[in-house]
Amino acid sequence: MKKTLLSAAAFATVAVSAVAIAPTTSEAIPAFARQTGAACLSCHFQTFPALNSFGRAFKQGSFTDVGDQAMVEDDNLSIPAVMNATIVIRGDITRATGSKATYNIPSETPILVAGRVGTNSGFFVEFANGGTGGSVSVGNWQFLNSFDMGDLKVGIGAHNSGFGGSAVLETSNVFGQHSGKLGGGNLSAINTVGFKQGSLAIAGWVGNETFDVQAGLIAPSAAQATPVGGNLGQIIRGHYFMDVAGFDTMIGAGLVTGNAKTYGAGLTQNTATADFAMDLKFVDFQMQGDLNDDMSLGIYADYASVADKAALATATAPATTNFYGGGKFTGFSLRAELKPVHNMGVGAGFSYANAGVGAAAVKTNTFQVAGFYEVYQNFELNLIYNQAKANTVGAVAQKTLTAEFEALL
């Protein structure tokens, strides 16, 4: 059964994110659909970018499965005959408390290139256009390599992106790159604490349709493009998948620890200038399944905890704010997403965050409702209402209403 499932992923596509340049929705990319010859929803639950079991298998296979697309093959060579690419057009209209509506049409138009590099290797690269003089730069990239070992996939990968700190092999839809459906990532405690922000990581993994585990090294984006002297934090992340009353159910956990030190240049090159102390623990949970032939339901929850950075400082390199935040944090979230018909869905959720220590702690409650309409599998309209209220004296509820579109060519 394990091998059958991994083989079936050849008829699926995978959801990936392009969020390093701006906080936008994640997407399934037609580049993978062209490679596999399958519809986008073959790999997605309800809508992109949430993965189903086939999507997870395709990712564990390092984006290498192909369908009817012509291949160029020779000794030590196996690549699609045509480079698979996607052009994304995004736009939104947003109105926040105390502000006039802002129009971002388009908000960005990245070019995504992804697919098979060889028999065991695959990649994803986002070319973000914009900036001074309309320059083009690499926004996100991800590289995966895996092999069959009995009923397991064993691999190694790297990323430098805003996909989330565990993006080397992230198969949860609770946070990070696969949580963009109905803006669900807005509520995730793991996202709130900053785990969705840019990071550099390299990790090895092992897994099949029942579980996957990755372990590796990680640094926040603030530590990039500076000397790090080999000082990176450590990450371990795992998922366990099972069937519960017909629902595809996942329980996951993660731990990030250690210090990502950065160093000066020249005469100070051996002196640490910053110490990005990391101590994040989290768990996440999801259930996805069909209620009947036309209706499906997804339930998602997570909990995250971060230690106080001040307590982890050293005399030579005090702890600074990193992509896990600057102090103690605990939080949780719960949301549900219902798709009553084949091209429409609604969702609602709640989250709680407690940032800080003692009387200085700021507690924030957030509520969100959202809906989407799929014009096509690769063209979606979304409406998201988010309301956040802190417990500080005189705090006013911050309300945001966003209407957005995303089309992928």
Protein backbone atom coordinates (compact mmCIF):
# COMPACT_ATOMS: atom_id res chain seq x y z
CA MET A 1 0.00 0.00 0.00
CA LYS A 2 2.84 2.39 0.82
CA LYS A 3 4.45 2.00 -2.59
CA THR A 4 1.07 2.23 -4.31
CA LEU A 5 0.36 5.54 -2.63
CA LEU A 6 3.72 7.02 -3.51
CA SER A 7 3.32 5.85 -7.10
CA ALA A 8 -0.16 7.34 -7.30
CA ALA A 9 1.35 10.72 -6.54
CA ALA A 10 2.48 10.81 -10.17
CA PHE A 11 -1.08 11.93 -10.94
CA ALA A 12 -1.04 14.75 -8.39
CA THR A 13 0.16 18.30 -7.95
CA VAL A 14 1.57 20.02 -4.91
CA ALA A 15 0.89 23.31 -3.11
CA VAL A 16 3.77 25.65 -2.42
CA SER A 17 3.99 29.22 -1.15
CA ALA A 18 5.49 32.41 -2.46
CA VAL A 19 5.33 34.71 0.48
CA ALA A 20 8.83 36.04 1.05
CA ILE A 21 8.21 39.32 -0.76
CA ALA A 22 4.74 40.17 0.56
CA PRO A 23 2.14 38.56 2.85
CA THR A 24 0.05 36.90 0.17
CA THR A 25 -1.95 33.73 -0.30
CA SER A 26 -0.12 30.50 -1.05
CA GLU A 27 -0.88 28.60 -4.22
CA ALA A 28 -0.88 25.38 -6.11
CA ILE A 29 1.25 25.89 -9.17
CA PRO A 30 0.28 24.80 -12.69
CA ALA A 31 3.97 24.07 -13.28
CA PHE A 32 3.48 20.84 -11.33
CA ALA A 33 0.15 20.17 -13.05
CA ARG A 34 1.93 20.37 -16.41
CA GLN A 35 4.62 17.97 -15.23
CA THR A 36 2.21 15.40 -13.80
CA GLY A 37 -0.68 15.86 -16.25
CA ALA A 38 -3.16 16.03 -13.35
CA ALA A 39 -5.67 18.57 -12.09
CA CYS A 40 -4.65 20.86 -9.24
CA LEU A 41 -7.22 19.35 -6.86
CA SER A 42 -5.67 15.91 -7.26
CA CYS A 43 -3.25 16.90 -4.52
CA HIS A 44 -5.29 19.44 -2.55
CA PHE A 45 -7.98 19.21 0.07
CA GLN A 46 -10.93 21.54 -0.74
CA THR A 47 -8.74 24.10 -2.52
CA PHE A 48 -5.13 25.12 -2.83
CA PRO A 49 -2.80 25.21 -1.00
CA ALA A 50 -3.92 22.59 1.58
CA LEU A 51 -2.42 19.16 0.83
CA ASN A 52 -4.16 15.80 0.84
CA SER A 53 -2.41 12.42 1.10
CA PHE A 54 -1.39 12.43 -2.59
CA GLY A 55 0.09 15.90 -2.20
CA ARG A 56 2.13 14.77 0.78
CA ALA A 57 3.44 11.78 -1.18
CA PHE A 58 4.37 13.97 -4.15
CA LYS A 59 6.35 16.23 -1.83
CA GLN A 60 8.07 13.29 -0.13
CA GLY A 61 9.04 12.21 -3.64
CA SER A 62 10.88 15.53 -4.12
CA PHE A 63 8.54 16.83 -6.86
CA THR A 64 9.87 14.20 -9.29
CA ASP A 65 6.76 12.27 -10.38
CA VAL A 66 5.72 12.79 -13.99
CA GLY A 67 2.70 11.90 -16.10
CA ASP A 68 2.44 12.08 -19.87
CA GLN A 69 4.89 14.96 -20.31
CA ALA A 70 7.75 14.20 -22.70
CA MET A 71 11.09 13.56 -21.01
CA VAL A 72 14.73 13.99 -22.02
CA GLU A 73 16.58 10.96 -20.70
CA ASP A 74 20.14 9.69 -20.96
CA ASP A 75 22.76 8.25 -18.65
CA ASN A 76 22.42 10.15 -15.38
CA LEU A 77 19.81 12.48 -16.93
CA SER A 78 16.02 12.55 -16.58
CA ILE A 79 14.28 15.91 -16.99
CA PRO A 80 11.01 17.18 -18.52
CA ALA A 81 11.37 18.15 -22.16
CA VAL A 82 9.87 21.57 -21.36
CA MET A 83 10.69 23.71 -18.35
CA ASN A 84 7.53 24.01 -16.26
CA ALA A 85 6.72 27.54 -15.13
CA THR A 86 3.82 29.52 -13.68
CA ILE A 87 3.00 33.23 -13.81
CA VAL A 88 1.02 34.44 -10.80
CA ILE A 89 -1.16 37.56 -10.71
CA ARG A 90 -2.38 38.69 -7.29
CA GLY A 91 -4.35 41.69 -6.14
CA ASP A 92 -6.33 42.84 -3.13
CA ILE A 93 -8.45 45.61 -1.67
CA THR A 94 -8.01 45.98 2.10
CA ARG A 95 -9.74 48.17 4.66
CA ALA A 96 -8.36 48.30 8.22
CA THR A 97 -9.55 50.09 11.36
CA GLY A 98 -8.80 53.81 11.17
CA SER A 99 -7.53 53.64 7.60
CA LYS A 100 -8.91 54.18 4.13
CA ALA A 101 -9.13 51.28 1.75
CA THR A 102 -5.91 50.38 -0.05
CA TYR A 103 -5.91 49.02 -3.59
CA ASN A 104 -3.07 46.71 -4.62
CA ILE A 105 -3.94 45.61 -8.15
CA PRO A 106 -1.80 43.80 -8.92
CA SER A 107 0.01 43.38 -5.62
CA GLU A 108 2.68 41.21 -7.23
CA THR A 109 3.32 39.12 -10.32
CA PRO A 110 6.01 36.53 -9.52
CA ILE A 111 7.23 33.89 -11.94
CA LEU A 112 7.51 30.38 -10.49
CA VAL A 113 9.72 27.67 -11.98
CA ALA A 114 9.51 24.21 -10.47
CA GLY A 115 9.76 20.51 -11.12
CA ARG A 116 12.06 17.60 -11.67
CA VAL A 117 15.84 18.07 -11.77
CA GLY A 118 16.57 14.37 -12.04
CA THR A 119 15.34 10.94 -11.04
CA ASN A 120 15.52 11.72 -7.33
CA SER A 121 15.68 15.54 -7.16
CA GLY A 122 13.25 18.42 -7.54
CA PHE A 123 13.13 22.16 -6.91
CA PHE A 124 11.00 25.26 -6.63
CA VAL A 125 12.19 28.82 -7.35
CA GLU A 126 10.22 32.05 -7.22
CA PHE A 127 11.47 34.99 -9.29
CA ALA A 128 9.96 38.10 -7.73
CA ASN A 129 9.74 41.07 -10.08
CA GLY A 130 9.50 44.60 -8.79
CA GLY A 131 11.68 46.98 -6.85
CA THR A 132 13.83 49.75 -8.25
CA GLY A 133 13.85 49.73 -12.03
CA GLY A 134 11.62 46.65 -12.17
CA SER A 135 14.47 44.38 -11.09
CA VAL A 136 14.00 40.62 -10.85
CA SER A 137 15.31 38.67 -7.85
CA VAL A 138 14.96 35.21 -6.34
CA GLY A 139 12.34 35.41 -3.60
CA ASN A 140 11.93 31.81 -2.41
CA TRP A 141 13.74 28.63 -3.31
CA GLN A 142 13.48 25.04 -2.18
CA PHE A 143 15.50 21.98 -3.20
CA LEU A 144 14.63 18.36 -2.32
CA ASN A 145 16.34 15.03 -2.94
CA SER A 146 14.97 11.65 -1.84
CA PHE A 147 15.43 7.90 -2.34
CA ASP A 148 13.35 4.78 -1.78
CA MET A 149 14.49 2.62 1.11
CA GLY A 150 12.05 -0.26 1.38
CA ASP A 151 8.65 1.26 2.17
CA LEU A 152 10.22 4.59 3.17
CA LYS A 153 11.31 7.75 1.45
CA VAL A 154 14.62 9.05 2.79
CA GLY A 155 15.77 12.50 1.75
CA ILE A 156 17.63 15.72 2.32
CA GLY A 157 16.56 19.23 1.40
CA ALA A 158 17.21 22.92 1.85
CA HIS A 159 15.23 26.14 1.59
CA ASN A 160 15.75 29.87 1.86
CA SER A 161 12.27 31.30 1.98
CA GLY A 162 9.20 32.56 3.77
CA PHE A 163 7.58 29.13 3.51
CA GLY A 164 7.93 28.57 7.27
CA GLY A 165 10.85 27.36 9.32
CA SER A 166 10.13 23.66 8.69
CA ALA A 167 9.52 24.06 4.96
CA VAL A 168 12.18 21.51 4.01
CA LEU A 169 9.39 18.92 4.39
CA GLU A 170 6.29 20.61 5.82
CA THR A 171 3.16 18.53 5.18
CA SER A 172 0.77 20.14 7.71
CA ASN A 173 -2.00 22.52 6.60
CA VAL A 174 -2.23 24.22 10.00
CA PHE A 175 0.49 26.84 9.47
CA GLY A 176 3.15 27.92 7.01
CA GLN A 177 3.09 27.33 3.29
CA HIS A 178 -0.05 25.17 3.13
CA SER A 179 -2.29 27.23 5.46
CA GLY A 180 -3.28 29.97 3.02
CA LYS A 181 -6.72 28.50 2.32
CA LEU A 182 -9.28 31.06 3.60
CA GLY A 183 -6.44 32.96 5.29
CA GLY A 184 -6.17 30.24 7.93
CA GLY A 185 -2.55 31.02 8.65
CA ASN A 186 -3.64 34.39 10.05
CA LEU A 187 -4.92 32.55 13.13
CA SER A 188 -2.17 29.96 13.65
CA ALA A 189 -0.26 30.42 16.91
CA ILE A 190 2.82 28.96 15.21
CA ASN A 191 2.57 31.60 12.50
CA THR A 192 1.82 34.36 15.04
CA VAL A 193 4.98 33.65 16.98
CA GLY A 194 6.90 34.22 13.75
CA PHE A 195 7.66 30.72 12.46
CA LYS A 196 6.22 31.70 9.07
CA GLN A 197 8.92 34.31 8.53
CA GLY A 198 11.93 33.94 6.29
CA SER A 199 14.50 31.33 7.23
CA LEU A 200 17.41 29.33 5.93
CA ALA A 201 17.37 25.62 6.74
CA ILE A 202 18.86 22.31 5.70
CA ALA A 203 17.44 19.04 6.97
CA GLY A 204 17.26 15.32 6.38
CA TRP A 205 13.99 13.39 6.59
CA VAL A 206 12.41 9.97 6.50
CA GLY A 207 8.73 9.15 5.94
CA ASN A 208 5.85 7.42 4.17
CA GLU A 209 2.07 7.87 4.14
CA THR A 210 1.92 7.14 7.89
CA PHE A 211 4.58 9.51 9.23
CA ASP A 212 7.47 11.81 8.42
CA VAL A 213 10.26 13.26 10.54
CA GLN A 214 12.86 15.88 9.65
CA ALA A 215 15.90 17.08 11.59
CA GLY A 216 18.37 19.79 10.62
CA LEU A 217 19.88 23.23 11.06
CA ILE A 218 18.08 26.57 10.87
CA ALA A 219 18.71 30.33 11.02
CA PRO A 220 16.25 33.24 10.98
CA SER A 221 16.32 35.61 8.01
CA ALA A 222 17.96 38.29 10.18
CA ALA A 223 21.03 36.05 10.43
CA GLN A 224 21.39 35.63 6.66
CA ALA A 225 23.87 37.49 4.47
CA THR A 226 26.16 37.84 7.52
CA PRO A 227 29.00 35.65 8.82
CA VAL A 228 27.49 32.91 10.99
CA GLY A 229 30.62 30.88 11.70
CA GLY A 230 28.70 27.64 11.42
CA ASN A 231 26.53 28.58 14.41
CA LEU A 232 22.95 27.63 13.55
CA GLY A 233 19.98 26.48 15.58
CA GLN A 234 18.59 22.96 15.47
CA ILE A 235 15.12 21.87 14.35
CA ILE A 236 13.23 18.61 14.64
CA ARG A 237 9.73 18.28 13.21
CA GLY A 238 7.39 15.32 12.81
CA HIS A 239 3.90 14.33 11.65
CA TYR A 240 1.84 11.20 12.26
CA PHE A 241 -1.05 10.45 9.89
CA MET A 242 -3.99 8.12 10.56
CA ASP A 243 -7.61 7.50 9.63
CA VAL A 244 -10.19 8.52 12.25
CA ALA A 245 -13.83 7.82 11.32
CA GLY A 246 -13.01 8.32 7.65
CA PHE A 247 -11.09 11.57 8.24
CA ASP A 248 -7.46 11.97 7.18
CA THR A 249 -6.04 12.97 10.57
CA MET A 250 -2.64 14.41 11.48
CA ILE A 251 -0.89 15.02 14.80
CA GLY A 252 2.38 16.95 14.60
CA ALA A 253 5.03 18.46 16.85
CA GLY A 254 8.15 20.55 16.49
CA LEU A 255 11.13 21.78 18.50
CA VAL A 256 13.57 24.53 17.59
CA THR A 257 16.49 25.21 19.91
CA GLY A 258 20.02 26.63 19.96
CA ASN A 259 21.60 29.93 19.05
CA ALA A 260 22.23 31.25 15.53
CA LYS A 261 25.21 33.52 16.19
CA THR A 262 26.36 36.17 13.72
CA TYR A 263 29.81 37.70 13.60
CA GLY A 264 31.44 40.94 12.55
CA ALA A 265 33.82 41.44 9.64
CA GLY A 266 37.46 42.42 9.47
CA LEU A 267 39.08 42.81 12.89
CA THR A 268 35.87 41.78 14.64
CA GLN A 269 35.27 38.66 12.61
CA ASN A 270 35.80 36.39 15.62
CA THR A 271 33.45 38.35 17.88
CA ALA A 272 29.77 37.45 18.01
CA THR A 273 27.62 40.53 17.31
CA ALA A 274 24.19 38.98 17.83
CA ASP A 275 22.82 35.83 19.38
CA PHE A 276 19.50 34.73 17.91
CA ALA A 277 18.39 32.55 20.83
CA MET A 278 15.72 30.05 19.80
CA ASP A 279 13.54 27.94 22.05
CA LEU A 280 10.25 27.14 20.28
CA LYS A 281 7.97 24.19 21.05
CA PHE A 282 4.73 23.53 19.18
CA VAL A 283 2.07 20.93 18.42
CA ASP A 284 -0.53 20.95 15.64
CA PHE A 285 -3.55 18.88 14.68
CA GLN A 286 -5.81 18.50 11.67
CA MET A 287 -8.74 16.38 10.44
CA GLN A 288 -9.85 16.46 6.80
CA GLY A 289 -12.61 14.47 5.19
CA ASP A 290 -15.88 14.26 3.26
CA LEU A 291 -19.24 14.60 4.99
CA ASN A 292 -21.03 13.42 1.84
CA ASP A 293 -20.43 13.36 -1.91
CA ASP A 294 -20.56 17.17 -2.21
CA MET A 295 -19.47 18.46 1.21
CA SER A 296 -16.11 18.35 3.00
CA LEU A 297 -14.85 19.60 6.36
CA GLY A 298 -11.41 20.49 7.68
CA ILE A 299 -10.56 21.14 11.35
CA TYR A 300 -7.22 22.67 12.36
CA ALA A 301 -5.61 23.55 15.71
CA ASP A 302 -2.18 24.37 17.13
CA TYR A 303 -0.33 25.46 20.26
CA ALA A 304 3.04 27.25 20.44
CA SER A 305 5.35 28.24 23.29
CA VAL A 306 8.53 30.34 23.23
CA ALA A 307 10.93 30.95 26.11
CA ASP A 308 11.94 34.46 27.19
CA LYS A 309 14.91 35.51 25.06
CA ALA A 310 16.35 37.72 27.81
CA ALA A 311 16.95 34.64 29.93
CA LEU A 312 19.00 33.09 27.10
CA ALA A 313 21.31 36.05 26.51
CA THR A 314 25.07 35.84 26.94
CA ALA A 315 27.49 38.45 28.21
CA THR A 316 29.09 38.93 24.79
CA ALA A 317 26.01 38.58 22.60
CA PRO A 318 22.67 39.53 24.13
CA ALA A 319 19.60 37.86 22.70
CA THR A 320 17.78 39.95 20.12
CA THR A 321 14.42 39.81 18.43
CA ASN A 322 14.33 37.07 15.83
CA PHE A 323 11.60 35.40 13.81
CA TYR A 324 10.32 33.75 16.98
CA GLY A 325 9.70 37.11 18.67
CA GLY A 326 11.60 38.96 21.36
CA GLY A 327 10.23 37.42 24.58
CA LYS A 328 8.02 34.83 26.18
CA PHE A 329 5.00 33.71 24.15
CA THR A 330 2.22 31.15 24.44
CA GLY A 331 -0.77 30.83 22.16
CA PHE A 332 -3.27 28.51 20.54
CA SER A 333 -5.76 28.52 17.66
CA LEU A 334 -8.74 26.54 16.40
CA ARG A 335 -10.50 26.86 13.05
CA ALA A 336 -12.89 24.93 10.81
CA GLU A 337 -13.38 25.15 7.06
CA LEU A 338 -16.42 23.81 5.24
CA LYS A 339 -16.81 23.33 1.49
CA PRO A 340 -20.55 22.76 0.90
CA VAL A 341 -20.31 22.71 -2.91
CA HIS A 342 -17.52 21.91 -5.33
CA ASN A 343 -16.26 25.49 -5.89
CA MET A 344 -17.19 27.46 -2.76
CA GLY A 345 -16.07 27.32 0.86
CA VAL A 346 -16.41 29.14 4.18
CA GLY A 347 -14.38 29.12 7.35
CA ALA A 348 -14.25 30.53 10.87
CA GLY A 349 -11.73 30.40 13.67
CA PHE A 350 -10.36 31.83 16.89
CA SER A 351 -6.89 32.35 18.34
CA TYR A 352 -5.37 33.48 21.63
CA ALA A 353 -1.88 34.88 22.16
CA ASN A 354 -0.12 35.82 25.39
CA ALA A 355 3.12 37.72 24.75
CA GLY A 356 5.30 38.92 27.59
CA VAL A 357 5.76 38.25 31.31
CA GLY A 358 3.58 39.14 34.31
CA ALA A 359 1.73 42.45 34.35
CA ALA A 360 3.44 43.51 31.13
CA ALA A 361 2.02 40.58 29.16
CA VAL A 362 -0.25 41.47 26.26
CA LYS A 363 -3.11 39.05 25.66
CA THR A 364 -4.80 39.17 22.27
CA ASN A 365 -7.97 37.42 21.10
CA THR A 366 -8.49 37.14 17.35
CA PHE A 367 -11.60 36.04 15.45
CA GLN A 368 -11.83 35.47 11.71
CA VAL A 369 -14.44 34.48 9.13
CA ALA A 370 -13.71 33.96 5.46
CA GLY A 371 -15.02 32.59 2.21
CA PHE A 372 -13.70 31.66 -1.22
CA TYR A 373 -15.07 31.12 -4.69
CA GLU A 374 -13.13 29.17 -7.30
CA VAL A 375 -13.72 30.58 -10.76
CA TYR A 376 -11.37 27.82 -11.88
CA GLN A 377 -9.01 25.57 -9.93
CA ASN A 378 -6.26 28.08 -10.70
CA PHE A 379 -8.31 31.30 -10.28
CA GLU A 380 -9.74 32.08 -6.87
CA LEU A 381 -11.59 34.97 -5.19
CA ASN A 382 -11.37 35.37 -1.40
CA LEU A 383 -13.07 37.52 1.24
CA ILE A 384 -11.52 37.60 4.74
CA TYR A 385 -12.70 39.47 7.85
CA ASN A 386 -10.29 39.51 10.79
CA GLN A 387 -10.80 41.14 14.21
CA ALA A 388 -8.12 41.29 16.91
CA LYS A 389 -8.49 42.79 20.42
CA ALA A 390 -5.71 43.17 23.01
CA ASN A 391 -6.27 43.40 26.76
CA THR A 392 -4.31 46.65 27.16
CA VAL A 393 -6.06 49.71 28.60
CA GLY A 394 -7.86 51.69 25.89
CA ALA A 395 -7.15 49.09 23.21
CA VAL A 396 -9.51 49.22 20.23
CA ALA A 397 -10.42 46.13 18.26
CA GLN A 398 -8.43 46.06 15.04
CA LYS A 399 -10.70 45.04 12.17
CA THR A 400 -9.51 44.18 8.69
CA LEU A 401 -11.60 43.29 5.64
CA THR A 402 -9.74 42.01 2.59
CA ALA A 403 -11.05 41.07 -0.84
CA GLU A 404 -8.41 39.41 -2.98
CA PHE A 405 -7.88 37.44 -6.16
CA GLU A 406 -5.17 35.11 -7.35
CA ALA A 407 -4.76 33.71 -10.84
CA LEU A 408 -2.08 31.28 -11.93
CA LEU A 409 -1.20 30.82 -15.60
